[in-house]
C-alpha atoms as a PDB file:
ATOM      1  CA  MET A   1      -0.227   0.033  -0.076  1.00  0.00           C
ATOM      2  CA  ASP A   2       1.233   3.462  -0.923  1.00  0.00           C
ATOM      3  CA  MET A   3       1.815   6.596   1.444  1.00  0.00           C
ATOM      4  CA  GLY A   4      -1.270   8.121   0.064  1.00  0.00           C
ATOM      5  CA  SER A   5      -3.205   5.155   1.061  1.00  0.00           C
ATOM      6  CA  LEU A   6      -2.076   4.923   4.100  1.00  0.00           C
ATOM      7  CA  VAL A   7      -2.769   8.316   5.099  1.00  0.00           C
ATOM      8  CA  ALA A   8      -6.224   8.021   3.506  1.00  0.00           C
ATOM      9  CA  LEU A   9      -7.088   4.993   5.856  1.00  0.00           C
ATOM     10  CA  ASN A  10      -5.435   6.694   8.784  1.00  0.00           C
ATOM     11  CA  GLY A  11      -8.188   9.932   8.674  1.00  0.00           C
ATOM     12  CA  HIS A  12     -10.725   7.293   8.068  1.00  0.00           C
ATOM     13  CA  PHE A  13      -9.587   5.725  11.236  1.00  0.00           C
ATOM     14  CA  ASP A  14      -9.345   9.197  13.140  1.00  0.00           C
ATOM     15  CA  THR A  15     -13.307   9.831  11.744  1.00  0.00           C
ATOM     16  CA  VAL A  16     -14.502   6.365  13.195  1.00  0.00           C
ATOM     17  CA  ALA A  17     -12.775   7.380  16.724  1.00  0.00           C
ATOM     18  CA  ILE A  18     -13.668  10.936  17.030  1.00  0.00           C
ATOM     19  CA  LEU A  19     -17.546   9.685  16.215  1.00  0.00           C
ATOM     20  CA  GLY A  20     -17.186   6.906  18.481  1.00  0.00           C
ATOM     21  CA  THR A  21     -16.465   9.706  21.488  1.00  0.00           C
ATOM     22  CA  ILE A  22     -19.896  11.014  20.907  1.00  0.00           C
ATOM     23  CA  SER A  23     -22.862  10.538  22.425  1.00  0.00           C
ATOM     24  CA  ASN A  24     -25.379  12.541  19.661  1.00  0.00           C
ATOM     25  CA  ARG A  25     -23.926  12.435  16.660  1.00  0.00           C
ATOM     26  CA  SER A  26     -26.748  14.794  14.513  1.00  0.00           C
ATOM     27  CA  VAL A  27     -26.536  17.452  17.883  1.00  0.00           C
ATOM     28  CA  PHE A  28     -22.506  17.301  17.154  1.00  0.00           C
ATOM     29  CA  ARG A  29     -22.605  17.607  13.388  1.00  0.00           C
ATOM     30  CA  GLU A  30     -24.634  20.472  13.666  1.00  0.00           C
ATOM     31  CA  PHE A  31     -22.557  22.301  16.774  1.00  0.00           C
ATOM     32  CA  LEU A  32     -19.306  21.387  14.491  1.00  0.00           C
ATOM     33  CA  VAL A  33     -20.832  22.705  11.372  1.00  0.00           C
ATOM     34  CA  ALA A  34     -21.322  26.078  13.166  1.00  0.00           C
ATOM     35  CA  VAL A  35     -18.085  26.240  14.569  1.00  0.00           C
ATOM     36  CA  ARG A  36     -16.269  25.640  11.298  1.00  0.00           C
ATOM     37  CA  VAL A  37     -18.308  28.466   9.446  1.00  0.00           C
ATOM     38  CA  TRP A  38     -17.239  30.644  12.307  1.00  0.00           C
ATOM     39  CA  ALA A  39     -13.743  29.568  11.753  1.00  0.00           C
ATOM     40  CA  LYS A  40     -14.171  30.192   8.013  1.00  0.00           C
ATOM     41  CA  ALA A  41     -15.469  33.573   8.383  1.00  0.00           C
ATOM     42  CA  ARG A  42     -12.624  34.697  10.719  1.00  0.00           C
ATOM     43  CA  GLY A  43      -9.968  33.307   8.489  1.00  0.00           C
ATOM     44  CA  LEU A  44      -8.929  31.001  11.263  1.00  0.00           C
ATOM     45  CA  TYR A  45      -9.706  27.527   8.931  1.00  0.00           C
ATOM     46  CA  SER A  46      -6.163  26.984   7.451  1.00  0.00           C
ATOM     47  CA  ASN A  47      -3.422  24.777   9.019  1.00  0.00           C
ATOM     48  CA  LYS A  48      -1.006  25.524   6.083  1.00  0.00           C
ATOM     49  CA  CYS A  49      -0.877  29.045   7.177  1.00  0.00           C
ATOM     50  CA  GLY A  50      -0.401  28.184  10.886  1.00  0.00           C
ATOM     51  CA  PHE A  51      -4.278  28.098  12.394  1.00  0.00           C
ATOM     52  CA  LEU A  52      -6.074  25.084  12.232  1.00  0.00           C
ATOM     53  CA  GLY A  53      -7.209  22.865  10.064  1.00  0.00           C
ATOM     54  CA  GLY A  54     -10.702  20.674   9.953  1.00  0.00           C
ATOM     55  CA  TYR A  55      -9.640  17.671  11.991  1.00  0.00           C
ATOM     56  CA  SER A  56      -8.128  20.049  15.012  1.00  0.00           C
ATOM     57  CA  TRP A  57     -11.221  22.240  15.073  1.00  0.00           C
ATOM     58  CA  ALA A  58     -13.090  18.645  14.970  1.00  0.00           C
ATOM     59  CA  ILE A  59     -11.375  17.402  18.074  1.00  0.00           C
ATOM     60  CA  MET A  60     -11.581  20.343  20.126  1.00  0.00           C
ATOM     61  CA  ALA A  61     -15.546  20.431  19.601  1.00  0.00           C
ATOM     62  CA  ALA A  62     -15.733  16.653  20.730  1.00  0.00           C
ATOM     63  CA  ARG A  63     -13.891  17.484  23.854  1.00  0.00           C
ATOM     64  CA  ILE A  64     -16.515  20.045  24.355  1.00  0.00           C
ATOM     65  CA  HIS A  65     -19.277  17.232  23.895  1.00  0.00           C
ATOM     66  CA  GLN A  66     -17.837  14.968  25.767  1.00  0.00           C
ATOM     67  CA  LEU A  67     -17.905  17.458  28.773  1.00  0.00           C
ATOM     68  CA  PHE A  68     -21.493  18.246  28.187  1.00  0.00           C
ATOM     69  CA  PRO A  69     -23.041  15.420  26.281  1.00  0.00           C
ATOM     70  CA  LYS A  70     -26.437  16.219  26.748  1.00  0.00           C
ATOM     71  CA  ALA A  71     -26.106  20.045  25.764  1.00  0.00           C
ATOM     72  CA  PRO A  72     -28.063  21.181  22.831  1.00  0.00           C
ATOM     73  CA  SER A  73     -25.909  22.464  19.744  1.00  0.00           C
ATOM     74  CA  ILE A  74     -26.288  26.151  20.696  1.00  0.00           C
ATOM     75  CA  VAL A  75     -25.180  25.705  24.311  1.00  0.00           C
ATOM     76  CA  LEU A  76     -22.226  23.404  23.293  1.00  0.00           C
ATOM     77  CA  LEU A  77     -21.337  26.075  21.149  1.00  0.00           C
ATOM     78  CA  ALA A  78     -21.609  28.416  24.193  1.00  0.00           C
ATOM     79  CA  ARG A  79     -19.328  26.115  26.187  1.00  0.00           C
ATOM     80  CA  PHE A  80     -17.229  26.029  23.074  1.00  0.00           C
ATOM     81  CA  PHE A  81     -16.009  29.533  23.503  1.00  0.00           C
ATOM     82  CA  GLU A  82     -16.361  30.309  26.873  1.00  0.00           C
ATOM     83  CA  VAL A  83     -13.810  27.111  27.627  1.00  0.00           C
ATOM     84  CA  TYR A  84     -11.345  27.483  24.628  1.00  0.00           C
ATOM     85  CA  SER A  85     -11.370  31.708  25.509  1.00  0.00           C
ATOM     86  CA  GLN A  86      -9.989  30.537  29.128  1.00  0.00           C
ATOM     87  CA  TRP A  87      -7.837  27.544  27.939  1.00  0.00           C
ATOM     88  CA  ASN A  88      -4.143  27.556  29.021  1.00  0.00           C
ATOM     89  CA  TRP A  89      -2.911  26.484  26.032  1.00  0.00           C
ATOM     90  CA  THR A  90       0.466  25.061  27.705  1.00  0.00           C
ATOM     91  CA  ASN A  91      -1.946  21.884  28.276  1.00  0.00           C
ATOM     92  CA  PRO A  92      -2.979  19.690  25.295  1.00  0.00           C
ATOM     93  CA  VAL A  93      -6.480  19.164  24.103  1.00  0.00           C
ATOM     94  CA  ALA A  94      -6.808  15.573  23.931  1.00  0.00           C
ATOM     95  CA  LEU A  95     -10.399  13.154  23.669  1.00  0.00           C
ATOM     96  CA  GLN A  96     -11.045  10.724  26.408  1.00  0.00           C
ATOM     97  CA  VAL A  97     -10.373   7.592  24.385  1.00  0.00           C
ATOM     98  CA  TYR A  98      -8.583   4.298  25.028  1.00  0.00           C
ATOM     99  CA  PRO A  99      -5.906   4.130  24.761  1.00  0.00           C
ATOM    100  CA  LYS A 100      -5.287   7.371  25.860  1.00  0.00           C
ATOM    101  CA  PRO A 101      -3.363   9.642  23.780  1.00  0.00           C
ATOM    102  CA  VAL A 102      -0.089  10.426  25.021  1.00  0.00           C
ATOM    103  CA  TYR A 103       1.988  13.107  23.086  1.00  0.00           C
ATOM    104  CA  ARG A 104       5.038  15.008  24.361  1.00  0.00           C
ATOM    105  CA  PRO A 105       5.119  18.291  23.306  1.00  0.00           C
ATOM    106  CA  THR A 106       7.872  19.661  21.508  1.00  0.00           C
ATOM    107  CA  PRO A 107       9.910  23.533  21.977  1.00  0.00           C
ATOM    108  CA  ARG A 108       8.052  24.573  18.670  1.00  0.00           C
ATOM    109  CA  ASP A 109       4.573  23.446  19.862  1.00  0.00           C
ATOM    110  CA  ARG A 110       2.744  26.722  20.950  1.00  0.00           C
ATOM    111  CA  MET A 111      -0.540  24.825  20.797  1.00  0.00           C
ATOM    112  CA  VAL A 112      -1.091  21.130  21.618  1.00  0.00           C
ATOM    113  CA  VAL A 113      -4.377  19.279  19.913  1.00  0.00           C
ATOM    114  CA  VAL A 114      -3.845  15.544  19.917  1.00  0.00           C
ATOM    115  CA  THR A 115      -4.391  13.074  17.382  1.00  0.00           C
ATOM    116  CA  VAL A 116      -7.066  10.369  18.245  1.00  0.00           C
ATOM    117  CA  SER A 117      -5.512   7.319  16.784  1.00  0.00           C
ATOM    118  CA  ALA A 118      -1.601   5.796  17.448  1.00  0.00           C
ATOM    119  CA  PRO A 119       1.183   7.359  16.964  1.00  0.00           C
ATOM    120  CA  PHE A 120      -0.182  10.188  18.196  1.00  0.00           C
ATOM    121  CA  LYS A 121       0.756  13.274  17.093  1.00  0.00           C
ATOM    122  CA  ASN A 122       0.247  17.348  17.573  1.00  0.00           C
ATOM    123  CA  SER A 123      -2.743  18.437  14.561  1.00  0.00           C
ATOM    124  CA  SER A 124      -1.820  21.835  15.727  1.00  0.00           C
ATOM    125  CA  ARG A 125       1.403  21.772  15.067  1.00  0.00           C
ATOM    126  CA  ASN A 126       2.057  24.741  12.546  1.00  0.00           C
ATOM    127  CA  VAL A 127       0.157  27.265  14.923  1.00  0.00           C
ATOM    128  CA  THR A 128       3.295  29.868  15.772  1.00  0.00           C
ATOM    129  CA  ARG A 129       3.718  32.188  18.356  1.00  0.00           C
ATOM    130  CA  SER A 130       1.655  35.205  16.362  1.00  0.00           C
ATOM    131  CA  THR A 131      -1.286  32.758  14.965  1.00  0.00           C
ATOM    132  CA  LEU A 132      -1.904  31.811  18.594  1.00  0.00           C
ATOM    133  CA  ALA A 133      -1.957  34.882  19.457  1.00  0.00           C
ATOM    134  CA  VAL A 134      -4.895  35.928  16.639  1.00  0.00           C
ATOM    135  CA  LEU A 135      -6.429  32.596  17.724  1.00  0.00           C
ATOM    136  CA  LYS A 136      -6.807  33.879  21.243  1.00  0.00           C
ATOM    137  CA  THR A 137      -8.024  37.001  20.685  1.00  0.00           C
ATOM    138  CA  GLU A 138     -10.342  35.501  17.989  1.00  0.00           C
ATOM    139  CA  LEU A 139     -11.721  33.128  20.574  1.00  0.00           C
ATOM    140  CA  VAL A 140     -12.042  35.768  23.084  1.00  0.00           C
ATOM    141  CA  GLY A 141     -14.268  38.044  20.608  1.00  0.00           C
ATOM    142  CA  ALA A 142     -16.349  34.969  20.102  1.00  0.00           C
ATOM    143  CA  TRP A 143     -17.203  34.824  23.621  1.00  0.00           C
ATOM    144  CA  LYS A 144     -18.187  38.282  23.935  1.00  0.00           C
ATOM    145  CA  CYS A 145     -20.469  37.768  21.442  1.00  0.00           C
ATOM    146  CA  ILE A 146     -22.220  34.927  22.668  1.00  0.00           C
ATOM    147  CA  HIS A 147     -22.161  36.497  25.894  1.00  0.00           C
ATOM    148  CA  ALA A 148     -24.338  39.147  24.339  1.00  0.00           C
ATOM    149  CA  CYS A 149     -26.236  37.339  22.073  1.00  0.00           C
ATOM    150  CA  ASP A 150     -24.831  38.807  18.933  1.00  0.00           C
ATOM    151  CA  LEU A 151     -24.975  36.060  16.597  1.00  0.00           C
ATOM    152  CA  ASP A 152     -24.757  38.234  13.578  1.00  0.00           C
ATOM    153  CA  SER A 153     -21.223  39.671  15.158  1.00  0.00           C
ATOM    154  CA  LEU A 154     -20.057  36.353  15.924  1.00  0.00           C
ATOM    155  CA  TYR A 155     -20.258  34.902  12.252  1.00  0.00           C
ATOM    156  CA  SER A 156     -19.277  38.591  10.545  1.00  0.00           C
ATOM    157  CA  PRO A 157     -16.170  38.340   8.206  1.00  0.00           C
ATOM    158  CA  ILE A 158     -12.967  39.542   9.781  1.00  0.00           C
ATOM    159  CA  PRO A 159     -12.214  42.800   8.845  1.00  0.00           C
ATOM    160  CA  PHE A 160      -8.578  41.741   8.328  1.00  0.00           C
ATOM    161  CA  PHE A 161      -7.405  44.892   6.078  1.00  0.00           C
ATOM    162  CA  THR A 162      -9.206  47.654   8.589  1.00  0.00           C
ATOM    163  CA  MET A 163      -7.339  46.134  11.489  1.00  0.00           C
ATOM    164  CA  TYR A 164      -3.316  46.439  10.283  1.00  0.00           C
ATOM    165  CA  ASP A 165      -1.262  49.786   9.133  1.00  0.00           C
ATOM    166  CA  SER A 166       1.264  47.530   7.428  1.00  0.00           C
ATOM    167  CA  PHE A 167       1.102  44.390   5.316  1.00  0.00           C
ATOM    168  CA  LEU A 168       3.224  42.174   3.512  1.00  0.00           C
ATOM    169  CA  GLN A 169       2.033  41.130  -0.135  1.00  0.00           C
ATOM    170  CA  LEU A 170       2.762  38.142  -1.901  1.00  0.00           C
ATOM    171  CA  HIS A 171       2.338  37.943  -5.394  1.00  0.00           C
ATOM    172  CA  VAL A 172       2.175  34.572  -7.412  1.00  0.00           C
ATOM    173  CA  GLN A 173       2.093  34.718 -11.259  1.00  0.00           C
ATOM    174  CA  ALA A 174       1.994  31.643 -13.866  1.00  0.00           C
ATOM    175  CA  ALA A 175       1.917  31.794 -17.653  1.00  0.00           C
ATOM    176  CA  ASP A 176      -0.783  29.041 -17.670  1.00  0.00           C
ATOM    177  CA  ARG A 177      -3.586  27.551 -15.311  1.00  0.00           C
ATOM    178  CA  ARG A 178      -1.266  24.446 -14.528  1.00  0.00           C
ATOM    179  CA  ASP A 179       1.535  26.258 -12.853  1.00  0.00           C
ATOM    180  CA  PHE A 180      -0.130  28.919 -11.361  1.00  0.00           C
ATOM    181  CA  LEU A 181      -2.277  26.341  -9.512  1.00  0.00           C
ATOM    182  CA  LEU A 182       1.317  24.109  -8.642  1.00  0.00           C
ATOM    183  CA  TRP A 183       3.227  27.776  -7.923  1.00  0.00           C
ATOM    184  CA  SER A 184       0.051  29.089  -5.631  1.00  0.00           C
ATOM    185  CA  SER A 185      -0.024  25.921  -3.924  1.00  0.00           C
ATOM    186  CA  TRP A 186       3.744  25.740  -3.165  1.00  0.00           C
ATOM    187  CA  ILE A 187       3.799  29.180  -2.101  1.00  0.00           C
ATOM    188  CA  GLU A 188       0.856  28.651   0.413  1.00  0.00           C
ATOM    189  CA  SER A 189       2.203  25.365   1.725  1.00  0.00           C
ATOM    190  CA  ARG A 190       5.470  27.795   2.517  1.00  0.00           C
ATOM    191  CA  LEU A 191       4.151  30.057   4.280  1.00  0.00           C
ATOM    192  CA  ILE A 192       4.984  28.836   7.830  1.00  0.00           C
ATOM    193  CA  SER A 193       8.658  28.557   6.430  1.00  0.00           C
ATOM    194  CA  LEU A 194       8.342  32.311   6.152  1.00  0.00           C
ATOM    195  CA  LEU A 195       6.456  33.218   9.202  1.00  0.00           C
ATOM    196  CA  ILE A 196       8.799  31.470  11.599  1.00  0.00           C
ATOM    197  CA  PRO A 197      11.797  33.294  11.397  1.00  0.00           C
ATOM    198  CA  VAL A 198      10.737  36.494  10.773  1.00  0.00           C
ATOM    199  CA  GLU A 199       8.986  36.116  14.441  1.00  0.00           C
ATOM    200  CA  ARG A 200      12.718  34.585  15.971  1.00  0.00           C
ATOM    201  CA  ALA A 201      14.386  37.908  14.313  1.00  0.00           C
ATOM    202  CA  SER A 202      11.845  39.768  16.334  1.00  0.00           C
ATOM    203  CA  ALA A 203       9.605  39.235  19.266  1.00  0.00           C
ATOM    204  CA  ALA A 204       7.811  42.603  19.034  1.00  0.00           C
ATOM    205  CA  ILE A 205       6.011  41.312  15.696  1.00  0.00           C
ATOM    206  CA  THR A 206       2.950  39.597  15.179  1.00  0.00           C
ATOM    207  CA  LEU A 207       2.204  38.241  12.094  1.00  0.00           C
ATOM    208  CA  HIS A 208      -1.424  37.564  10.846  1.00  0.00           C
ATOM    209  CA  PRO A 209      -1.574  35.447   7.346  1.00  0.00           C
ATOM    210  CA  TYR A 210      -4.921  35.684   5.642  1.00  0.00           C
ATOM    211  CA  PRO A 211      -5.568  32.562   4.557  1.00  0.00           C
ATOM    212  CA  HIS A 212      -7.096  32.738   1.165  1.00  0.00           C
ATOM    213  CA  PRO A 213      -5.157  34.468  -2.003  1.00  0.00           C
ATOM    214  CA  PHE A 214      -6.666  37.373  -3.430  1.00  0.00           C
ATOM    215  CA  GLU A 215      -6.875  38.715  -6.991  1.00  0.00           C
ATOM    216  CA  SER A 216      -3.751  40.404  -8.055  1.00  0.00           C
ATOM    217  CA  PRO A 217      -3.725  43.882  -9.213  1.00  0.00           C
ATOM    218  CA  HIS A 218      -0.548  43.772 -10.868  1.00  0.00           C
ATOM    219  CA  SER A 219      -0.361  40.559 -12.829  1.00  0.00           C
ATOM    220  CA  LEU A 220       0.722  40.515 -16.062  1.00  0.00           C
ATOM    221  CA  THR A 221      -1.201  37.494 -17.249  1.00  0.00           C
ATOM    222  CA  ASP A 222      -4.755  35.930 -16.180  1.00  0.00           C
ATOM    223  CA  PHE A 223      -3.145  33.850 -13.816  1.00  0.00           C
ATOM    224  CA  GLY A 224      -2.096  35.611 -10.759  1.00  0.00           C
ATOM    225  CA  CYS A 225      -2.937  36.469  -6.959  1.00  0.00           C
ATOM    226  CA  CYS A 226      -1.924  38.079  -4.120  1.00  0.00           C
ATOM    227  CA  TYR A 227      -1.692  36.475  -0.474  1.00  0.00           C
ATOM    228  CA  TYR A 228      -1.414  39.035   2.474  1.00  0.00           C
ATOM    229  CA  ILE A 229       0.229  39.176   5.743  1.00  0.00           C
ATOM    230  CA  GLY A 230      -0.979  41.717   8.331  1.00  0.00           C
ATOM    231  CA  LEU A 231       2.107  42.897  10.317  1.00  0.00           C
END
């Protein structure tokens, strides 16, 4: 069996393991959809850009469901933001399953969300000092919206370009669609490699990458886009 097939199987086993901890799957699905809609609206749904992917959000949501197994979805959503807005991120988030997930954090780990199936890993390994700060801010803001019963603000898109005075623009351009897709995908997968050295060089800098590209105003071809990082 090739590596791609093994990865796909491991993802299936992880999904089965998560659902195995859930007492009410229909309520959990509704709750998880709400979390994911919020994360996407706020620009937090991207493992490549130093935030969290769908798997990490699912583990965090499943842990809340374990703590409050009889709660309806709207209460679970409130508990999600209440708990994680106050979470001490030196402590890992892990589901109560058998065998018990055991993971030893590394110096690089800013946030630990432990995978469900062995070998246990940190699914939030790409989170950096800067993106953790953004996640904390957004979780606190979401809890304030929930506490104020303001669902419109909770799901409002992040006003990214009004949040910072300066931005780093990464312009991607190619001659044809195939090369553009390959090139832009490579750039997106390497954004973490840009963030971490800059953070190490200056503790005063906070970098906020936006996880989706924008149409490039400067492209000389039909195949171009821009990625932005708030400074």
